[in-house]
């Protein structure tokens, strides 16, 4: 969403699976506002903002990121059962 000629937004509403969107509060490459737009366009999506991270919350807040992904996957599997 931050590259002018690379716009996939029209395709996002077609995503039919549970989707986890993660972003670091201090991400200057893909800012929170871009992730909020993505979240608004994908049905059944969850947005998690990592307050102490930039572009790599999976590294900068690894334990919290890993727990967030595990929790999301548990919920998604439970819904599909």
Protein backbone atom coordinates (compact mmCIF):
# COMPACT_ATOMS: atom_id res chain seq x y z
CA UNK A 1 0.00 0.00 0.00
CA UNK A 2 3.01 2.26 0.21
CA UNK A 3 4.11 1.77 -3.41
CA UNK A 4 2.08 3.90 -5.77
CA UNK A 5 2.06 1.48 -8.72
CA UNK A 6 1.50 -1.66 -6.63
CA UNK A 7 -2.10 -1.47 -5.49
CA UNK A 8 -3.76 -4.72 -4.51
CA UNK A 9 -6.52 -3.09 -2.45
CA UNK A 10 -9.28 -4.09 -4.91
CA UNK A 11 -8.45 -7.77 -4.29
CA UNK A 12 -8.52 -7.64 -0.50
CA UNK A 13 -12.30 -7.95 -0.02
CA UNK A 14 -12.07 -11.30 -1.82
CA UNK A 15 -9.98 -12.87 0.94
CA UNK A 16 -12.26 -15.39 2.63
CA UNK A 17 -10.00 -16.89 5.29
CA UNK A 18 -9.27 -15.51 8.76
CA UNK A 19 -6.43 -13.03 8.39
CA UNK A 20 -4.03 -11.65 10.99
CA UNK A 21 -2.54 -8.26 10.18
CA UNK A 22 0.41 -7.18 12.30
CA UNK A 23 2.21 -3.87 12.32
CA UNK A 24 4.70 -2.04 14.49
CA UNK A 25 3.58 1.29 15.90
CA UNK A 26 6.82 2.91 14.67
CA UNK A 27 6.93 1.29 11.21
CA UNK A 28 7.89 4.00 8.71
CA UNK A 29 7.94 1.58 5.76
CA UNK A 30 4.36 0.33 6.11
CA UNK A 31 2.73 2.67 8.61
CA UNK A 32 -0.15 1.80 10.92
CA UNK A 33 -2.52 3.77 8.70
CA UNK A 34 -1.78 1.40 5.79
CA UNK A 35 -2.45 -1.63 7.97
CA UNK A 36 -5.70 -0.08 9.17
CA UNK A 37 -6.80 0.30 5.54
CA UNK A 38 -5.90 -3.32 4.82
CA UNK A 39 -7.81 -4.44 7.91
CA UNK A 40 -10.88 -2.47 6.85
CA UNK A 41 -10.87 -4.16 3.44
CA UNK A 42 -10.39 -7.78 4.52
CA UNK A 43 -13.48 -9.38 6.01
CA UNK A 44 -12.83 -11.46 9.13
CA UNK A 45 -9.42 -9.87 9.71
CA UNK A 46 -7.75 -8.94 12.96
CA UNK A 47 -5.29 -6.07 13.36
CA UNK A 48 -2.65 -6.17 16.07
CA UNK A 49 -0.40 -3.16 16.62
CA UNK A 50 2.89 -3.82 18.39
CA UNK A 51 3.56 -0.70 20.40
CA UNK A 52 7.34 -1.15 20.82
CA UNK A 53 8.18 -2.15 17.24
CA UNK A 54 9.08 -0.69 13.90
CA UNK A 55 8.96 -2.77 10.71
CA UNK A 56 9.85 -6.09 12.35
CA UNK A 57 7.66 -6.89 15.36
CA UNK A 58 8.43 -10.57 14.79
CA UNK A 59 11.99 -9.71 15.87
CA UNK A 60 11.54 -6.61 18.03
CA UNK A 61 8.77 -8.12 20.18
CA UNK A 62 9.33 -11.78 19.35
CA UNK A 63 7.67 -13.41 22.40
CA UNK A 64 4.56 -11.24 22.14
CA UNK A 65 4.43 -11.71 18.36
CA UNK A 66 4.71 -15.49 18.67
CA UNK A 67 1.96 -15.60 21.31
CA UNK A 68 -0.25 -13.39 19.14
CA UNK A 69 0.15 -15.74 16.18
CA UNK A 70 -0.47 -18.84 18.33
CA UNK A 71 -3.63 -17.30 19.80
CA UNK A 72 -4.88 -16.27 16.37
CA UNK A 73 -4.30 -19.75 14.94
CA UNK A 74 -6.10 -21.38 17.88
CA UNK A 75 -9.13 -19.13 17.34
CA UNK A 76 -9.10 -19.72 13.58
CA UNK A 77 -8.91 -23.50 13.99
CA UNK A 78 -11.67 -23.48 16.61
CA UNK A 79 -13.95 -21.51 14.28
CA UNK A 80 -13.36 -23.93 11.42
CA UNK A 81 -14.06 -27.05 13.48
